[in-house]
Each structure stands twice: as structure tokens, then as C-alpha cells.
N, C-alpha and C. Protein backbone atom coordinates (compact mmCIF):
# COMPACT_ATOMS: atom_id res chain seq x y z
N UNK A 1 -11.00 11.29 19.89
CA UNK A 1 -9.58 11.42 19.59
C UNK A 1 -9.08 10.09 19.01
N UNK A 2 -8.35 10.17 17.94
CA UNK A 2 -7.79 8.98 17.29
C UNK A 2 -6.51 8.54 18.00
N UNK A 3 -6.37 7.24 18.16
CA UNK A 3 -5.14 6.67 18.73
C UNK A 3 -4.51 5.83 17.64
N UNK A 4 -3.47 6.37 17.03
CA UNK A 4 -2.82 5.72 15.90
C UNK A 4 -1.36 5.48 16.24
N UNK A 5 -0.90 4.27 15.96
CA UNK A 5 0.52 3.97 16.17
C UNK A 5 1.01 3.23 14.94
N UNK A 6 1.43 4.00 13.95
CA UNK A 6 1.96 3.45 12.72
C UNK A 6 3.41 3.86 12.58
N UNK A 7 4.28 2.88 12.44
CA UNK A 7 5.70 3.14 12.23
C UNK A 7 6.00 2.96 10.76
N UNK A 8 6.69 3.94 10.19
CA UNK A 8 7.03 3.92 8.77
C UNK A 8 8.54 3.98 8.61
N UNK A 9 9.07 3.08 7.79
CA UNK A 9 10.49 3.12 7.41
C UNK A 9 10.53 3.69 6.00
N UNK A 10 11.09 4.88 5.87
CA UNK A 10 11.18 5.55 4.58
C UNK A 10 12.64 5.66 4.16
N UNK A 11 12.86 5.55 2.86
CA UNK A 11 14.20 5.66 2.29
C UNK A 11 14.09 6.57 1.08
N UNK A 12 14.98 7.57 1.01
CA UNK A 12 15.03 8.43 -0.17
C UNK A 12 16.46 8.83 -0.45
N UNK A 13 16.71 9.20 -1.68
CA UNK A 13 18.08 9.50 -2.09
C UNK A 13 18.25 10.92 -2.58
N UNK A 14 19.50 11.25 -2.81
CA UNK A 14 19.82 12.53 -3.42
C UNK A 14 19.52 12.45 -4.92
N UNK A 15 19.24 13.59 -5.51
CA UNK A 15 18.95 13.60 -6.95
C UNK A 15 20.17 13.09 -7.72
N UNK A 16 19.93 12.21 -8.66
CA UNK A 16 20.98 11.58 -9.48
C UNK A 16 22.01 10.82 -8.63
N UNK A 17 21.63 10.52 -7.42
CA UNK A 17 22.48 9.78 -6.47
C UNK A 17 23.86 10.43 -6.27
N UNK A 18 23.88 11.73 -6.34
CA UNK A 18 25.13 12.46 -6.09
C UNK A 18 25.48 12.31 -4.61
N UNK A 19 26.72 11.94 -4.28
CA UNK A 19 27.09 11.68 -2.89
C UNK A 19 27.33 12.97 -2.08
N UNK A 20 26.27 13.77 -1.95
CA UNK A 20 26.35 15.04 -1.22
C UNK A 20 26.50 14.86 0.29
N UNK A 21 25.96 13.79 0.82
CA UNK A 21 25.89 13.62 2.28
C UNK A 21 27.19 13.04 2.82
N UNK A 22 28.22 13.85 2.75
CA UNK A 22 29.53 13.43 3.24
C UNK A 22 29.50 13.28 4.76
N UNK A 23 30.49 12.60 5.26
CA UNK A 23 30.59 12.41 6.71
C UNK A 23 30.59 13.75 7.45
N UNK A 24 31.15 14.78 6.81
CA UNK A 24 31.24 16.11 7.43
C UNK A 24 29.89 16.75 7.69
N UNK A 25 28.90 16.50 6.84
CA UNK A 25 27.62 17.19 7.00
C UNK A 25 26.46 16.28 7.40
N UNK A 26 26.63 14.98 7.28
CA UNK A 26 25.51 14.05 7.55
C UNK A 26 24.85 14.29 8.90
N UNK A 27 25.62 14.32 9.97
CA UNK A 27 25.01 14.42 11.30
C UNK A 27 24.25 15.74 11.47
N UNK A 28 24.78 16.85 10.93
CA UNK A 28 24.05 18.12 11.07
C UNK A 28 22.78 18.12 10.23
N UNK A 29 22.81 17.50 9.05
CA UNK A 29 21.61 17.39 8.22
C UNK A 29 20.56 16.55 8.95
N UNK A 30 20.96 15.40 9.48
CA UNK A 30 20.01 14.53 10.16
C UNK A 30 19.45 15.20 11.42
N UNK A 31 20.30 15.90 12.15
CA UNK A 31 19.84 16.61 13.35
C UNK A 31 18.83 17.69 12.96
N UNK A 32 19.12 18.42 11.89
CA UNK A 32 18.19 19.46 11.43
C UNK A 32 16.84 18.84 11.01
N UNK A 33 16.89 17.73 10.29
CA UNK A 33 15.65 17.07 9.86
C UNK A 33 14.83 16.67 11.09
N UNK A 34 15.47 16.12 12.11
CA UNK A 34 14.75 15.72 13.33
C UNK A 34 14.11 16.92 14.02
N UNK A 35 14.86 18.01 14.14
CA UNK A 35 14.32 19.20 14.81
C UNK A 35 13.17 19.81 14.02
N UNK A 36 13.32 19.91 12.71
CA UNK A 36 12.27 20.45 11.86
C UNK A 36 11.02 19.57 11.92
N UNK A 37 11.20 18.26 11.89
CA UNK A 37 10.07 17.33 11.96
C UNK A 37 9.32 17.50 13.29
N UNK A 38 10.06 17.62 14.38
CA UNK A 38 9.44 17.80 15.69
C UNK A 38 8.55 19.03 15.71
N UNK A 39 9.02 20.12 15.09
CA UNK A 39 8.22 21.35 15.02
C UNK A 39 6.93 21.14 14.24
N UNK A 40 6.90 20.16 13.37
CA UNK A 40 5.72 19.86 12.55
C UNK A 40 4.94 18.66 13.10
N UNK A 41 5.23 18.30 14.36
CA UNK A 41 4.57 17.18 15.04
C UNK A 41 4.78 15.84 14.33
N UNK A 42 5.97 15.66 13.79
CA UNK A 42 6.38 14.39 13.21
C UNK A 42 7.47 13.85 14.13
N UNK A 43 7.25 12.66 14.72
CA UNK A 43 8.24 12.10 15.61
C UNK A 43 9.12 11.11 14.84
N UNK A 44 10.40 11.45 14.74
CA UNK A 44 11.38 10.57 14.09
C UNK A 44 12.06 9.74 15.16
N UNK A 45 11.92 8.44 15.05
CA UNK A 45 12.54 7.51 15.98
C UNK A 45 14.02 7.30 15.65
N UNK A 46 14.32 7.15 14.35
CA UNK A 46 15.69 6.95 13.88
C UNK A 46 15.86 7.63 12.54
N UNK A 47 17.05 8.16 12.32
CA UNK A 47 17.41 8.68 11.01
C UNK A 47 18.90 8.47 10.83
N UNK A 48 19.27 7.97 9.66
CA UNK A 48 20.67 7.74 9.35
C UNK A 48 20.75 7.49 7.85
N UNK A 49 21.93 7.39 7.35
CA UNK A 49 22.07 7.13 5.92
C UNK A 49 23.52 7.07 5.52
N UNK A 50 23.71 7.29 4.24
CA UNK A 50 25.04 7.24 3.67
C UNK A 50 25.19 8.43 2.73
N UNK A 51 26.16 8.43 1.88
CA UNK A 51 26.48 9.61 1.08
C UNK A 51 25.37 10.03 0.11
N UNK A 52 24.53 9.08 -0.31
CA UNK A 52 23.54 9.41 -1.34
C UNK A 52 22.10 9.06 -0.97
N UNK A 53 21.85 8.71 0.30
CA UNK A 53 20.48 8.38 0.69
C UNK A 53 20.29 8.44 2.20
N UNK A 54 19.02 8.41 2.59
CA UNK A 54 18.62 8.51 3.99
C UNK A 54 17.61 7.41 4.32
N UNK A 55 17.74 6.85 5.51
CA UNK A 55 16.74 5.96 6.07
C UNK A 55 16.12 6.68 7.27
N UNK A 56 14.81 6.65 7.35
CA UNK A 56 14.14 7.35 8.43
C UNK A 56 13.00 6.48 8.96
N UNK A 57 12.95 6.29 10.26
CA UNK A 57 11.87 5.56 10.91
C UNK A 57 11.06 6.58 11.69
N UNK A 58 9.80 6.74 11.32
CA UNK A 58 8.98 7.74 11.99
C UNK A 58 7.58 7.21 12.29
N UNK A 59 6.93 7.87 13.23
CA UNK A 59 5.55 7.55 13.58
C UNK A 59 4.64 8.41 12.71
N UNK A 60 3.67 7.78 12.09
CA UNK A 60 2.74 8.49 11.23
C UNK A 60 1.55 8.94 12.07
N UNK A 61 1.29 10.24 12.08
CA UNK A 61 0.16 10.80 12.81
C UNK A 61 -1.15 10.50 12.09
N UNK A 62 -2.24 10.54 12.82
CA UNK A 62 -3.56 10.26 12.24
C UNK A 62 -3.95 11.29 11.19
N UNK A 63 -3.40 12.50 11.29
CA UNK A 63 -3.81 13.57 10.38
C UNK A 63 -2.81 13.85 9.26
N UNK A 64 -1.85 12.95 9.04
CA UNK A 64 -0.86 13.16 7.98
C UNK A 64 -0.68 11.91 7.15
N UNK A 65 -0.50 12.10 5.87
CA UNK A 65 -0.20 10.99 4.97
C UNK A 65 1.31 10.82 4.87
N UNK A 66 1.74 9.68 4.37
CA UNK A 66 3.17 9.47 4.14
C UNK A 66 3.68 10.51 3.16
N UNK A 67 2.91 10.77 2.10
CA UNK A 67 3.33 11.75 1.09
C UNK A 67 3.54 13.14 1.71
N UNK A 68 2.66 13.53 2.63
CA UNK A 68 2.79 14.84 3.28
C UNK A 68 4.03 14.90 4.16
N UNK A 69 4.29 13.84 4.91
CA UNK A 69 5.48 13.79 5.76
C UNK A 69 6.73 13.90 4.89
N UNK A 70 6.77 13.14 3.81
CA UNK A 70 7.94 13.17 2.94
C UNK A 70 8.12 14.56 2.32
N UNK A 71 7.03 15.18 1.91
CA UNK A 71 7.11 16.53 1.34
C UNK A 71 7.67 17.51 2.37
N UNK A 72 7.18 17.45 3.60
CA UNK A 72 7.65 18.36 4.64
C UNK A 72 9.12 18.13 4.98
N UNK A 73 9.51 16.88 5.10
CA UNK A 73 10.90 16.58 5.47
C UNK A 73 11.86 16.91 4.33
N UNK A 74 11.57 16.42 3.14
CA UNK A 74 12.50 16.59 2.02
C UNK A 74 12.55 18.05 1.55
N UNK A 75 11.40 18.68 1.44
CA UNK A 75 11.36 20.06 0.94
C UNK A 75 12.11 21.03 1.83
N UNK A 76 11.81 20.99 3.12
CA UNK A 76 12.45 21.92 4.04
C UNK A 76 13.93 21.63 4.18
N UNK A 77 14.31 20.36 4.23
CA UNK A 77 15.73 20.05 4.44
C UNK A 77 16.58 20.44 3.23
N UNK A 78 16.07 20.27 2.01
CA UNK A 78 16.86 20.69 0.84
C UNK A 78 17.00 22.21 0.82
N UNK A 79 15.92 22.92 1.19
CA UNK A 79 16.00 24.38 1.29
C UNK A 79 17.06 24.79 2.31
N UNK A 80 17.07 24.14 3.48
CA UNK A 80 18.01 24.46 4.55
C UNK A 80 19.46 24.15 4.13
N UNK A 81 19.68 23.00 3.52
CA UNK A 81 21.02 22.61 3.07
C UNK A 81 21.58 23.65 2.10
N UNK A 82 20.75 24.13 1.17
CA UNK A 82 21.18 25.14 0.22
C UNK A 82 21.39 26.50 0.88
N UNK A 83 20.49 26.86 1.79
CA UNK A 83 20.62 28.14 2.50
C UNK A 83 21.91 28.20 3.32
N UNK A 84 22.24 27.07 3.96
CA UNK A 84 23.45 26.99 4.78
C UNK A 84 24.71 26.74 3.95
N UNK A 85 24.54 26.53 2.63
CA UNK A 85 25.66 26.26 1.72
C UNK A 85 26.52 25.09 2.20
N UNK A 86 25.85 24.00 2.55
CA UNK A 86 26.55 22.81 3.03
C UNK A 86 27.18 22.01 1.90
N UNK A 87 26.73 22.27 0.67
CA UNK A 87 27.28 21.58 -0.49
C UNK A 87 27.83 22.62 -1.47
N UNK A 88 28.74 22.19 -2.31
CA UNK A 88 29.37 23.13 -3.24
C UNK A 88 28.48 23.46 -4.44
N UNK A 89 27.52 22.59 -4.75
CA UNK A 89 26.56 22.89 -5.81
C UNK A 89 25.15 22.69 -5.26
N UNK A 90 24.15 23.05 -6.04
CA UNK A 90 22.77 23.01 -5.57
C UNK A 90 22.38 21.60 -5.13
N UNK A 91 21.84 21.50 -3.93
CA UNK A 91 21.42 20.22 -3.37
C UNK A 91 19.96 19.97 -3.70
N UNK A 92 19.66 18.71 -4.10
CA UNK A 92 18.28 18.31 -4.33
C UNK A 92 18.11 16.85 -3.93
N UNK A 93 16.91 16.53 -3.42
CA UNK A 93 16.54 15.15 -3.20
C UNK A 93 15.90 14.62 -4.47
N UNK A 94 16.03 13.33 -4.70
CA UNK A 94 15.30 12.68 -5.80
C UNK A 94 13.80 12.73 -5.48
N UNK A 95 12.98 12.70 -6.50
CA UNK A 95 11.54 12.77 -6.30
C UNK A 95 10.99 11.51 -5.62
N UNK A 96 11.52 10.36 -5.99
CA UNK A 96 10.96 9.11 -5.49
C UNK A 96 11.45 8.80 -4.08
N UNK A 97 10.70 7.94 -3.43
CA UNK A 97 11.08 7.42 -2.12
C UNK A 97 10.43 6.05 -1.94
N UNK A 98 10.92 5.31 -0.98
CA UNK A 98 10.37 4.02 -0.61
C UNK A 98 9.84 4.17 0.81
N UNK A 99 8.66 3.61 1.10
CA UNK A 99 8.13 3.65 2.46
C UNK A 99 7.36 2.37 2.73
N UNK A 100 7.53 1.83 3.92
CA UNK A 100 6.83 0.62 4.32
C UNK A 100 6.51 0.70 5.81
N UNK A 101 5.40 0.09 6.20
CA UNK A 101 5.07 0.03 7.62
C UNK A 101 5.97 -1.00 8.29
N UNK A 102 6.20 -0.80 9.57
CA UNK A 102 7.07 -1.68 10.35
C UNK A 102 6.27 -2.21 11.53
N UNK A 103 6.23 -3.52 11.68
CA UNK A 103 5.54 -4.10 12.84
C UNK A 103 6.40 -3.92 14.08
N UNK A 104 5.74 -3.85 15.24
CA UNK A 104 6.49 -3.68 16.49
C UNK A 104 7.44 -4.84 16.73
N UNK A 105 7.11 -6.01 16.23
CA UNK A 105 7.98 -7.18 16.43
C UNK A 105 9.31 -7.04 15.69
N UNK A 106 9.34 -6.21 14.63
CA UNK A 106 10.57 -6.00 13.86
C UNK A 106 11.25 -4.66 14.17
N UNK A 107 10.72 -3.94 15.12
CA UNK A 107 11.24 -2.60 15.43
C UNK A 107 12.73 -2.62 15.76
N UNK A 108 13.17 -3.55 16.59
CA UNK A 108 14.59 -3.63 16.95
C UNK A 108 15.47 -3.90 15.76
N UNK A 109 15.03 -4.77 14.87
CA UNK A 109 15.79 -5.10 13.67
C UNK A 109 15.92 -3.90 12.76
N UNK A 110 14.82 -3.17 12.55
CA UNK A 110 14.85 -1.99 11.68
C UNK A 110 15.71 -0.90 12.29
N UNK A 111 15.59 -0.69 13.59
CA UNK A 111 16.43 0.33 14.26
C UNK A 111 17.91 0.00 14.08
N UNK A 112 18.29 -1.25 14.29
CA UNK A 112 19.70 -1.66 14.14
C UNK A 112 20.16 -1.47 12.70
N UNK A 113 19.31 -1.82 11.75
CA UNK A 113 19.64 -1.66 10.34
C UNK A 113 19.90 -0.18 10.00
N UNK A 114 19.04 0.69 10.50
CA UNK A 114 19.20 2.12 10.24
C UNK A 114 20.46 2.65 10.94
N UNK A 115 20.68 2.23 12.16
CA UNK A 115 21.86 2.69 12.92
C UNK A 115 23.18 2.28 12.27
N UNK A 116 23.19 1.17 11.54
CA UNK A 116 24.43 0.63 10.99
C UNK A 116 24.60 0.88 9.49
N UNK A 117 24.13 1.99 9.01
CA UNK A 117 24.18 2.27 7.58
C UNK A 117 25.59 2.33 7.02
N UNK A 118 26.51 2.95 7.74
CA UNK A 118 27.86 3.10 7.20
C UNK A 118 28.52 1.74 6.97
N UNK A 119 28.44 0.85 7.94
CA UNK A 119 29.05 -0.48 7.75
C UNK A 119 28.28 -1.29 6.71
N UNK A 120 26.96 -1.14 6.69
CA UNK A 120 26.13 -1.84 5.70
C UNK A 120 26.53 -1.46 4.27
N UNK A 121 26.77 -0.16 4.06
CA UNK A 121 27.07 0.29 2.70
C UNK A 121 28.54 0.16 2.32
N UNK A 122 29.33 -0.37 3.21
CA UNK A 122 30.68 -0.75 2.79
C UNK A 122 30.61 -2.07 2.02
N UNK A 123 29.45 -2.75 2.10
CA UNK A 123 29.25 -4.04 1.44
C UNK A 123 28.31 -3.92 0.24
N UNK A 124 27.26 -3.10 0.38
CA UNK A 124 26.19 -3.03 -0.62
C UNK A 124 25.89 -1.57 -0.95
N UNK A 125 25.77 -1.26 -2.24
CA UNK A 125 25.46 0.12 -2.65
C UNK A 125 23.99 0.42 -2.44
N UNK A 126 23.67 1.70 -2.46
CA UNK A 126 22.27 2.14 -2.36
C UNK A 126 21.45 1.58 -3.52
N UNK A 127 22.02 1.56 -4.72
CA UNK A 127 21.30 1.04 -5.89
C UNK A 127 20.96 -0.44 -5.70
N UNK A 128 21.90 -1.22 -5.21
CA UNK A 128 21.64 -2.64 -4.96
C UNK A 128 20.55 -2.81 -3.89
N UNK A 129 20.63 -1.99 -2.86
CA UNK A 129 19.63 -2.03 -1.80
C UNK A 129 18.24 -1.64 -2.33
N UNK A 130 18.18 -0.57 -3.11
CA UNK A 130 16.92 -0.09 -3.68
C UNK A 130 16.32 -1.15 -4.60
N UNK A 131 17.14 -1.77 -5.43
CA UNK A 131 16.66 -2.84 -6.32
C UNK A 131 16.09 -4.01 -5.52
N UNK A 132 16.73 -4.34 -4.39
CA UNK A 132 16.21 -5.41 -3.53
C UNK A 132 14.84 -5.05 -2.97
N UNK A 133 14.69 -3.78 -2.53
CA UNK A 133 13.39 -3.32 -2.02
C UNK A 133 12.32 -3.49 -3.08
N UNK A 134 12.64 -3.09 -4.32
CA UNK A 134 11.67 -3.18 -5.41
C UNK A 134 11.32 -4.63 -5.72
N UNK A 135 12.33 -5.51 -5.74
CA UNK A 135 12.07 -6.93 -5.99
C UNK A 135 11.21 -7.53 -4.89
N UNK A 136 11.52 -7.18 -3.66
CA UNK A 136 10.76 -7.69 -2.52
C UNK A 136 9.31 -7.20 -2.62
N UNK A 137 9.11 -5.94 -2.91
CA UNK A 137 7.77 -5.37 -3.03
C UNK A 137 7.01 -6.05 -4.17
N UNK A 138 7.69 -6.29 -5.27
CA UNK A 138 7.06 -6.93 -6.42
C UNK A 138 6.63 -8.36 -6.09
N UNK A 139 7.47 -9.08 -5.36
CA UNK A 139 7.12 -10.46 -5.01
C UNK A 139 5.95 -10.49 -4.02
N UNK A 140 5.87 -9.50 -3.14
CA UNK A 140 4.74 -9.43 -2.20
C UNK A 140 3.46 -9.13 -2.97
N UNK A 141 3.51 -8.19 -3.90
CA UNK A 141 2.34 -7.79 -4.66
C UNK A 141 1.86 -8.87 -5.62
N UNK A 142 2.78 -9.70 -6.10
CA UNK A 142 2.42 -10.72 -7.08
C UNK A 142 2.48 -12.13 -6.52
N UNK A 143 2.82 -12.24 -5.24
CA UNK A 143 3.03 -13.54 -4.63
C UNK A 143 1.78 -14.26 -4.42
């Protein structure tokens, strides 16, 4: 039996960054994603976001890739959002996503960051945040 403990911080947005995730529906969408993930043996530690994106901290199982987890979470949740008619027009997630492993020493920091998305995005947009992630990743890869 494999004993794997990998924490992944994933971020993905709505297609064309349309602000579909209003305050009215965010909590029900996030709750649905958590329940659906649990049924697929994906444990989500934290999930939160803002009007146009989601941050999710989850444990990666030994038998699943990050791509498979993202496919299961994003595909089913967009289907559910449309089925429940939570948005006035067709809801879609953007194809791309960001994912990085999280060390246990930084777990508290990442959890706090995810929990405080609303106040964080009163200062910085998702695009600015995403560009920072890309710059940081580029400097790590080329550093």
C-alpha cells in the first residue's frame, strides 16, 4: 500500500474571466465541489475564491494525477452550475490552471491566504495574481 501525502494548491478561473462567482453563489459552488470531490476520494482541505477564480488546497492521492483531479473537479462543477441555472448565461471554466505542491511548513500560510481571498482581491486582481505566479515560476525554472 502506498503512503502518499502531497498537498497541492491549485488555482483556476472562469472562462474569459467572467465574474460568474458572485457572493450569492460562491459558497454553494464551493460546497458542491467539496462534496463531489469527496465522492471521488479527493480530499479538499480548503477552497475559496473570488468572482472569477478559485483557490483549492487538496491532497493528491497515489492513484490520481493533478490533471485528473482538475478534470474531475472542473468538469463536474461546470455541469452542475449549468444544470442548477446558477448563472444567467452558460458557465465555463478556463482551460488553464496553476498548481504547485505545498510543504507542510507553509500549510498555515497557504490556508490563511486561501481563506482571505475576498480581502486579498480588494487590493489585487486575479490577473495581477496570476502574472505573479507565472513570474515566480519562471524565475524558479530559470534561476
